[in-house]
Amino acid sequence: MSGVTITDPAPYVPTPEELNQMFKAMDDSVWVIDNHIANGPYEFQTQAECNAEVGRNVAHLELMLSKSYIQDAGRELAAYEVAITDGNAYIASHPVVQD
């Protein structure tokens, strides 16, 4: 590939509408985590399924908080950080025993 220069693409810059959708999804993750902390598994869930759901929502928040456009959006992020901490604590305090 002589003579070909590969450059990094321009950084992604979401539109205001896209940012609003991202923050709405993050708010939904906080709700799921907080709901499970307050109420435990849904009646149709095992504790393992509940922990997995909390874990997926924690991972979503961690991923989104790692994005520079989220960090630079000028919005308060403390609730998301608290939900990550609380979600991880919930999973740790509700271990699942495998048979």
N, C-alpha and C. Protein backbone atom coordinates (compact mmCIF):
# COMPACT_ATOMS: atom_id res chain seq x y z
N MET A 1 0.83 -1.18 0.00
CA MET A 1 0.00 0.00 0.00
C MET A 1 0.87 1.24 0.00
N SER A 2 1.77 1.24 -0.83
CA SER A 2 2.68 2.37 -0.95
C SER A 2 1.93 3.63 -1.34
N GLY A 3 2.26 4.73 -0.66
CA GLY A 3 1.66 6.00 -1.00
C GLY A 3 0.30 6.24 -0.39
N VAL A 4 -0.24 5.30 0.39
CA VAL A 4 -1.56 5.47 0.99
C VAL A 4 -1.37 5.91 2.44
N THR A 5 -2.01 6.97 2.79
CA THR A 5 -1.95 7.46 4.16
C THR A 5 -3.31 7.25 4.80
N ILE A 6 -3.32 6.60 5.93
CA ILE A 6 -4.55 6.37 6.67
C ILE A 6 -4.57 7.33 7.84
N THR A 7 -5.60 8.10 7.92
CA THR A 7 -5.74 9.05 9.02
C THR A 7 -6.95 8.68 9.86
N ASP A 8 -6.91 9.09 11.10
CA ASP A 8 -8.06 8.87 11.97
C ASP A 8 -9.22 9.72 11.47
N PRO A 9 -10.42 9.15 11.52
CA PRO A 9 -11.57 9.95 11.11
C PRO A 9 -11.81 11.09 12.11
N ALA A 10 -12.55 12.07 11.68
CA ALA A 10 -12.90 13.17 12.58
C ALA A 10 -13.67 12.61 13.77
N PRO A 11 -13.48 13.18 14.94
CA PRO A 11 -14.21 12.67 16.11
C PRO A 11 -15.72 12.85 15.92
N TYR A 12 -16.45 11.90 16.46
CA TYR A 12 -17.90 11.94 16.38
C TYR A 12 -18.42 13.10 17.23
N VAL A 13 -19.30 13.88 16.66
CA VAL A 13 -19.95 14.98 17.37
C VAL A 13 -21.45 14.80 17.21
N PRO A 14 -22.13 14.36 18.27
CA PRO A 14 -23.57 14.15 18.16
C PRO A 14 -24.33 15.47 18.06
N THR A 15 -25.47 15.40 17.41
CA THR A 15 -26.34 16.56 17.35
C THR A 15 -26.98 16.77 18.72
N PRO A 16 -27.54 17.93 19.00
CA PRO A 16 -28.24 18.14 20.27
C PRO A 16 -29.35 17.10 20.49
N GLU A 17 -30.07 16.75 19.43
CA GLU A 17 -31.12 15.74 19.57
C GLU A 17 -30.54 14.38 19.95
N GLU A 18 -29.43 14.01 19.29
CA GLU A 18 -28.78 12.74 19.62
C GLU A 18 -28.29 12.74 21.07
N LEU A 19 -27.71 13.86 21.51
CA LEU A 19 -27.28 13.96 22.91
C LEU A 19 -28.45 13.79 23.86
N ASN A 20 -29.57 14.42 23.55
CA ASN A 20 -30.76 14.27 24.40
C ASN A 20 -31.20 12.81 24.47
N GLN A 21 -31.16 12.11 23.34
CA GLN A 21 -31.53 10.69 23.32
C GLN A 21 -30.55 9.86 24.14
N MET A 22 -29.27 10.19 24.05
CA MET A 22 -28.26 9.46 24.83
C MET A 22 -28.48 9.66 26.33
N PHE A 23 -28.74 10.89 26.72
CA PHE A 23 -28.98 11.15 28.14
C PHE A 23 -30.28 10.52 28.61
N LYS A 24 -31.28 10.44 27.76
CA LYS A 24 -32.53 9.76 28.11
C LYS A 24 -32.26 8.28 28.35
N ALA A 25 -31.46 7.68 27.48
CA ALA A 25 -31.11 6.26 27.66
C ALA A 25 -30.31 6.07 28.95
N MET A 26 -29.44 7.01 29.26
CA MET A 26 -28.67 6.93 30.51
C MET A 26 -29.61 7.07 31.71
N ASP A 27 -30.58 7.97 31.62
CA ASP A 27 -31.57 8.12 32.69
C ASP A 27 -32.36 6.83 32.88
N ASP A 28 -32.70 6.17 31.77
CA ASP A 28 -33.40 4.89 31.86
C ASP A 28 -32.55 3.85 32.58
N SER A 29 -31.25 3.84 32.32
CA SER A 29 -30.36 2.90 33.01
C SER A 29 -30.32 3.19 34.51
N VAL A 30 -30.28 4.46 34.87
CA VAL A 30 -30.32 4.81 36.30
C VAL A 30 -31.61 4.30 36.92
N TRP A 31 -32.73 4.47 36.22
CA TRP A 31 -34.02 4.01 36.74
C TRP A 31 -34.01 2.51 36.97
N VAL A 32 -33.51 1.75 36.00
CA VAL A 32 -33.47 0.29 36.14
C VAL A 32 -32.63 -0.11 37.36
N ILE A 33 -31.46 0.49 37.48
CA ILE A 33 -30.58 0.17 38.61
C ILE A 33 -31.26 0.53 39.93
N ASP A 34 -31.78 1.75 40.03
CA ASP A 34 -32.44 2.18 41.27
C ASP A 34 -33.66 1.32 41.59
N ASN A 35 -34.41 0.92 40.58
CA ASN A 35 -35.59 0.09 40.80
C ASN A 35 -35.21 -1.27 41.37
N HIS A 36 -34.16 -1.87 40.83
CA HIS A 36 -33.73 -3.17 41.35
C HIS A 36 -33.15 -3.03 42.76
N ILE A 37 -32.46 -1.96 43.03
CA ILE A 37 -31.94 -1.75 44.38
C ILE A 37 -33.09 -1.65 45.37
N ALA A 38 -34.13 -0.94 45.00
CA ALA A 38 -35.28 -0.74 45.90
C ALA A 38 -36.17 -1.97 46.01
N ASN A 39 -36.30 -2.73 44.92
CA ASN A 39 -37.31 -3.80 44.88
C ASN A 39 -36.78 -5.19 44.61
N GLY A 40 -35.50 -5.33 44.30
CA GLY A 40 -34.96 -6.64 43.97
C GLY A 40 -35.39 -7.09 42.60
N PRO A 41 -35.31 -8.39 42.34
CA PRO A 41 -35.68 -8.90 41.01
C PRO A 41 -37.18 -8.73 40.76
N TYR A 42 -37.52 -8.58 39.48
CA TYR A 42 -38.94 -8.63 39.12
C TYR A 42 -39.44 -10.02 39.44
N GLU A 43 -40.75 -10.18 39.60
CA GLU A 43 -41.27 -11.49 40.02
C GLU A 43 -40.97 -12.60 39.01
N PHE A 44 -40.70 -12.25 37.77
CA PHE A 44 -40.39 -13.25 36.75
C PHE A 44 -38.88 -13.48 36.59
N GLN A 45 -38.06 -12.82 37.43
CA GLN A 45 -36.60 -12.90 37.30
C GLN A 45 -35.99 -13.68 38.45
N THR A 46 -34.89 -14.34 38.14
CA THR A 46 -34.05 -14.90 39.20
C THR A 46 -33.09 -13.80 39.66
N GLN A 47 -32.43 -14.03 40.76
CA GLN A 47 -31.43 -13.06 41.22
C GLN A 47 -30.30 -12.94 40.20
N ALA A 48 -29.94 -14.05 39.58
CA ALA A 48 -28.88 -14.01 38.56
C ALA A 48 -29.29 -13.13 37.38
N GLU A 49 -30.53 -13.24 36.95
CA GLU A 49 -31.02 -12.41 35.85
C GLU A 49 -31.07 -10.94 36.25
N CYS A 50 -31.47 -10.69 37.47
CA CYS A 50 -31.51 -9.32 37.99
C CYS A 50 -30.11 -8.73 38.03
N ASN A 51 -29.16 -9.48 38.57
CA ASN A 51 -27.78 -9.01 38.62
C ASN A 51 -27.24 -8.73 37.22
N ALA A 52 -27.58 -9.60 36.27
CA ALA A 52 -27.13 -9.40 34.90
C ALA A 52 -27.73 -8.12 34.31
N GLU A 53 -28.99 -7.87 34.60
CA GLU A 53 -29.64 -6.66 34.09
C GLU A 53 -29.02 -5.41 34.71
N VAL A 54 -28.78 -5.45 36.00
CA VAL A 54 -28.11 -4.33 36.67
C VAL A 54 -26.72 -4.15 36.07
N GLY A 55 -26.01 -5.24 35.87
CA GLY A 55 -24.67 -5.18 35.31
C GLY A 55 -24.64 -4.58 33.91
N ARG A 56 -25.61 -4.95 33.08
CA ARG A 56 -25.68 -4.37 31.72
C ARG A 56 -25.91 -2.86 31.78
N ASN A 57 -26.74 -2.43 32.70
CA ASN A 57 -27.03 -1.00 32.81
C ASN A 57 -25.85 -0.24 33.40
N VAL A 58 -25.14 -0.85 34.33
CA VAL A 58 -23.90 -0.25 34.84
C VAL A 58 -22.89 -0.12 33.70
N ALA A 59 -22.73 -1.18 32.92
CA ALA A 59 -21.79 -1.15 31.79
C ALA A 59 -22.17 -0.07 30.78
N HIS A 60 -23.46 0.09 30.54
CA HIS A 60 -23.92 1.13 29.62
C HIS A 60 -23.51 2.51 30.14
N LEU A 61 -23.73 2.76 31.43
CA LEU A 61 -23.37 4.06 32.00
C LEU A 61 -21.86 4.27 31.95
N GLU A 62 -21.10 3.23 32.28
CA GLU A 62 -19.63 3.36 32.22
C GLU A 62 -19.17 3.69 30.81
N LEU A 63 -19.74 3.01 29.82
CA LEU A 63 -19.38 3.27 28.43
C LEU A 63 -19.70 4.71 28.05
N MET A 64 -20.90 5.14 28.37
CA MET A 64 -21.32 6.49 27.98
C MET A 64 -20.48 7.55 28.69
N LEU A 65 -20.16 7.34 29.95
CA LEU A 65 -19.34 8.32 30.68
C LEU A 65 -17.90 8.36 30.16
N SER A 66 -17.50 7.35 29.42
CA SER A 66 -16.15 7.35 28.85
C SER A 66 -16.07 8.18 27.57
N LYS A 67 -17.21 8.59 27.05
CA LYS A 67 -17.25 9.35 25.80
C LYS A 67 -16.99 10.83 26.07
N SER A 68 -16.09 11.42 25.31
CA SER A 68 -15.75 12.83 25.52
C SER A 68 -16.95 13.73 25.27
N TYR A 69 -17.80 13.38 24.32
CA TYR A 69 -18.95 14.24 24.04
C TYR A 69 -19.98 14.20 25.17
N ILE A 70 -19.98 13.15 25.96
CA ILE A 70 -20.84 13.12 27.16
C ILE A 70 -20.19 13.98 28.24
N GLN A 71 -18.89 13.80 28.43
CA GLN A 71 -18.17 14.59 29.44
C GLN A 71 -18.23 16.08 29.15
N ASP A 72 -18.22 16.43 27.86
CA ASP A 72 -18.18 17.83 27.45
C ASP A 72 -19.56 18.44 27.21
N ALA A 73 -20.62 17.72 27.51
CA ALA A 73 -21.98 18.18 27.20
C ALA A 73 -22.47 19.27 28.14
N GLY A 74 -21.77 19.50 29.24
CA GLY A 74 -22.18 20.54 30.17
C GLY A 74 -23.33 20.13 31.06
N ARG A 75 -23.53 18.83 31.21
CA ARG A 75 -24.62 18.34 32.06
C ARG A 75 -24.04 17.72 33.32
N GLU A 76 -24.86 17.70 34.34
CA GLU A 76 -24.45 17.11 35.62
C GLU A 76 -24.39 15.59 35.46
N LEU A 77 -23.28 14.99 35.85
CA LEU A 77 -23.06 13.56 35.67
C LEU A 77 -23.06 12.76 36.97
N ALA A 78 -23.20 13.44 38.09
CA ALA A 78 -23.08 12.77 39.39
C ALA A 78 -24.07 11.63 39.57
N ALA A 79 -25.30 11.80 39.12
CA ALA A 79 -26.31 10.74 39.29
C ALA A 79 -25.90 9.46 38.57
N TYR A 80 -25.23 9.60 37.45
CA TYR A 80 -24.79 8.42 36.70
C TYR A 80 -23.64 7.73 37.42
N GLU A 81 -22.74 8.52 37.98
CA GLU A 81 -21.63 7.95 38.75
C GLU A 81 -22.14 7.23 39.99
N VAL A 82 -23.13 7.82 40.66
CA VAL A 82 -23.72 7.20 41.84
C VAL A 82 -24.40 5.88 41.45
N ALA A 83 -25.13 5.88 40.34
CA ALA A 83 -25.81 4.66 39.89
C ALA A 83 -24.81 3.55 39.59
N ILE A 84 -23.67 3.89 39.02
CA ILE A 84 -22.63 2.89 38.76
C ILE A 84 -22.15 2.29 40.08
N THR A 85 -21.82 3.15 41.02
CA THR A 85 -21.35 2.68 42.33
C THR A 85 -22.40 1.84 43.02
N ASP A 86 -23.63 2.34 43.05
CA ASP A 86 -24.72 1.62 43.72
C ASP A 86 -25.05 0.31 43.03
N GLY A 87 -25.03 0.30 41.70
CA GLY A 87 -25.31 -0.93 40.96
C GLY A 87 -24.26 -2.00 41.22
N ASN A 88 -23.00 -1.60 41.21
CA ASN A 88 -21.93 -2.55 41.52
C ASN A 88 -22.05 -3.07 42.94
N ALA A 89 -22.41 -2.20 43.87
CA ALA A 89 -22.59 -2.62 45.27
C ALA A 89 -23.77 -3.59 45.39
N TYR A 90 -24.83 -3.34 44.65
CA TYR A 90 -26.00 -4.24 44.68
C TYR A 90 -25.59 -5.63 44.21
N ILE A 91 -24.89 -5.69 43.09
CA ILE A 91 -24.47 -7.00 42.57
C ILE A 91 -23.57 -7.71 43.58
N ALA A 92 -22.64 -6.99 44.18
CA ALA A 92 -21.72 -7.59 45.15
C ALA A 92 -22.45 -8.09 46.39
N SER A 93 -23.51 -7.40 46.77
CA SER A 93 -24.24 -7.79 47.99
C SER A 93 -25.33 -8.82 47.73
N HIS A 94 -25.52 -9.20 46.49
CA HIS A 94 -26.52 -10.22 46.14
C HIS A 94 -25.87 -11.32 45.29
N PRO A 95 -24.90 -12.03 45.89
CA PRO A 95 -24.21 -13.06 45.11
C PRO A 95 -25.16 -14.18 44.72
N VAL A 96 -24.85 -14.77 43.60
CA VAL A 96 -25.64 -15.88 43.09
C VAL A 96 -24.82 -17.14 43.27
N VAL A 97 -25.39 -18.12 43.97
CA VAL A 97 -24.71 -19.38 44.21
C VAL A 97 -25.05 -20.32 43.09
N GLN A 98 -24.04 -20.81 42.42
CA GLN A 98 -24.22 -21.76 41.32
C GLN A 98 -24.25 -23.17 41.91
N ASP A 99 -25.18 -23.97 41.42
CA ASP A 99 -25.26 -25.37 41.88
C ASP A 99 -24.21 -26.23 41.23
